[in-house]
C-alpha atoms as a PDB file:
ATOM      1  CA  ASP A   1     -10.072   9.754   4.196  1.00  0.00           C
ATOM      2  CA  GLN A   2     -13.667   9.270   5.178  1.00  0.00           C
ATOM      3  CA  ASP A   3     -15.030   8.940   1.602  1.00  0.00           C
ATOM      4  CA  LYS A   4     -14.518   5.281   0.691  1.00  0.00           C
ATOM      5  CA  GLN A   5     -15.155   4.556  -2.982  1.00  0.00           C
ATOM      6  CA  GLY A   6     -14.927   1.406  -5.028  1.00  0.00           C
ATOM      7  CA  ALA A   7     -16.497  -1.950  -5.680  1.00  0.00           C
ATOM      8  CA  GLY A   8     -18.073  -3.493  -2.611  1.00  0.00           C
ATOM      9  CA  VAL A   9     -17.600  -0.505  -0.277  1.00  0.00           C
ATOM     10  CA  ASP A  10     -21.313  -0.022   0.384  1.00  0.00           C
ATOM     11  CA  GLU A  11     -22.170  -3.676  -0.116  1.00  0.00           C
ATOM     12  CA  TYR A  12     -19.705  -4.831   2.555  1.00  0.00           C
ATOM     13  CA  GLY A  13     -19.940  -1.789   4.840  1.00  0.00           C
ATOM     14  CA  ILE A  14     -16.271  -0.851   4.557  1.00  0.00           C
ATOM     15  CA  GLU A  15     -15.431   2.035   6.876  1.00  0.00           C
ATOM     16  CA  PHE A  16     -11.682   1.702   7.416  1.00  0.00           C
ATOM     17  CA  ILE A  17      -8.794   0.294   5.428  1.00  0.00           C
ATOM     18  CA  PRO A  18      -6.486  -1.652   7.758  1.00  0.00           C
ATOM     19  CA  PRO A  19      -2.744  -1.033   7.638  1.00  0.00           C
ATOM     20  CA  VAL A  20      -0.866  -3.187   5.144  1.00  0.00           C
ATOM     21  CA  VAL A  21       2.630  -4.266   6.198  1.00  0.00           C
ATOM     22  CA  ILE A  22       5.095  -5.972   3.861  1.00  0.00           C
ATOM     23  CA  GLU A  23       8.048  -7.817   5.338  1.00  0.00           C
ATOM     24  CA  ARG A  24      11.083  -9.414   3.752  1.00  0.00           C
ATOM     25  CA  ASN A  25      13.113 -11.885   5.790  1.00  0.00           C
ATOM     26  CA  GLY A  26      11.320 -10.728   8.931  1.00  0.00           C
ATOM     27  CA  GLU A  27      12.127  -7.046   8.345  1.00  0.00           C
ATOM     28  CA  GLU A  28       9.432  -4.493   7.545  1.00  0.00           C
ATOM     29  CA  VAL A  29      10.037  -2.937   4.135  1.00  0.00           C
ATOM     30  CA  ALA A  30       6.736  -1.113   3.573  1.00  0.00           C
ATOM     31  CA  ARG A  31       3.681  -0.023   5.544  1.00  0.00           C
ATOM     32  CA  PHE A  32       0.542   1.560   4.122  1.00  0.00           C
ATOM     33  CA  VAL A  33      -1.868   3.309   6.463  1.00  0.00           C
ATOM     34  CA  GLU A  34      -5.235   4.777   5.583  1.00  0.00           C
ATOM     35  CA  ASP A  35      -4.126   8.416   5.709  1.00  0.00           C
ATOM     36  CA  GLU A  36      -1.394   8.135   3.044  1.00  0.00           C
ATOM     37  CA  PRO A  37      -1.921  10.800   0.356  1.00  0.00           C
ATOM     38  CA  VAL A  38      -1.794   8.341  -2.590  1.00  0.00           C
ATOM     39  CA  PRO A  39      -3.639   5.100  -3.453  1.00  0.00           C
ATOM     40  CA  ILE A  40      -2.333   1.896  -1.883  1.00  0.00           C
ATOM     41  CA  ALA A  41      -1.033   0.427  -5.171  1.00  0.00           C
ATOM     42  CA  VAL A  42       0.974   3.558  -5.980  1.00  0.00           C
ATOM     43  CA  TYR A  43       2.354   3.909  -2.463  1.00  0.00           C
ATOM     44  CA  LEU A  44       3.437   0.285  -2.136  1.00  0.00           C
ATOM     45  CA  ALA A  45       4.916   0.134  -5.655  1.00  0.00           C
ATOM     46  CA  ASP A  46       6.983   3.270  -4.989  1.00  0.00           C
ATOM     47  CA  ARG A  47       8.103   2.079  -1.557  1.00  0.00           C
ATOM     48  CA  LEU A  48       9.025  -1.416  -2.733  1.00  0.00           C
ATOM     49  CA  GLU A  49      10.951  -0.034  -5.701  1.00  0.00           C
ATOM     50  CA  ALA A  50      12.863   2.312  -3.371  1.00  0.00           C
ATOM     51  CA  VAL A  51      13.742  -0.514  -0.986  1.00  0.00           C
ATOM     52  CA  LEU A  52      14.159  -3.485  -3.321  1.00  0.00           C
ATOM     53  CA  GLY A  53      15.058  -1.872  -6.637  1.00  0.00           C
ATOM     54  CA  HIS A  54      13.236  -1.803  -9.954  1.00  0.00           C
ATOM     55  CA  PRO A  55      11.616  -5.092 -11.038  1.00  0.00           C
ATOM     56  CA  ASN A  56      13.813  -5.277 -14.158  1.00  0.00           C
ATOM     57  CA  GLY A  57      16.893  -5.416 -11.958  1.00  0.00           C
ATOM     58  CA  ASN A  58      17.912  -1.774 -12.137  1.00  0.00           C
ATOM     59  CA  ALA A  59      17.964   0.180  -8.893  1.00  0.00           C
ATOM     60  CA  THR A  60      16.440   3.638  -9.092  1.00  0.00           C
END
C-alpha cells in the first residue's frame, strides 16, 4: 500500500518495503511482498507455522 506508517518512515524516507525471503537448507519457505493483505509479522508467522509446524512442536 502507498500509506507507509510507523517509526522512522518519514525520518528515513521509506517508500517501499523490500521483499523478505526466508530459506531453510537452501529452500524458500516464506516470501513477504509489499502487497500482502496482512502485516509482515502476521504473514511470516502464519507461513512459517504452516511450513515448519507450531513452535511448541505440534503441527497445525
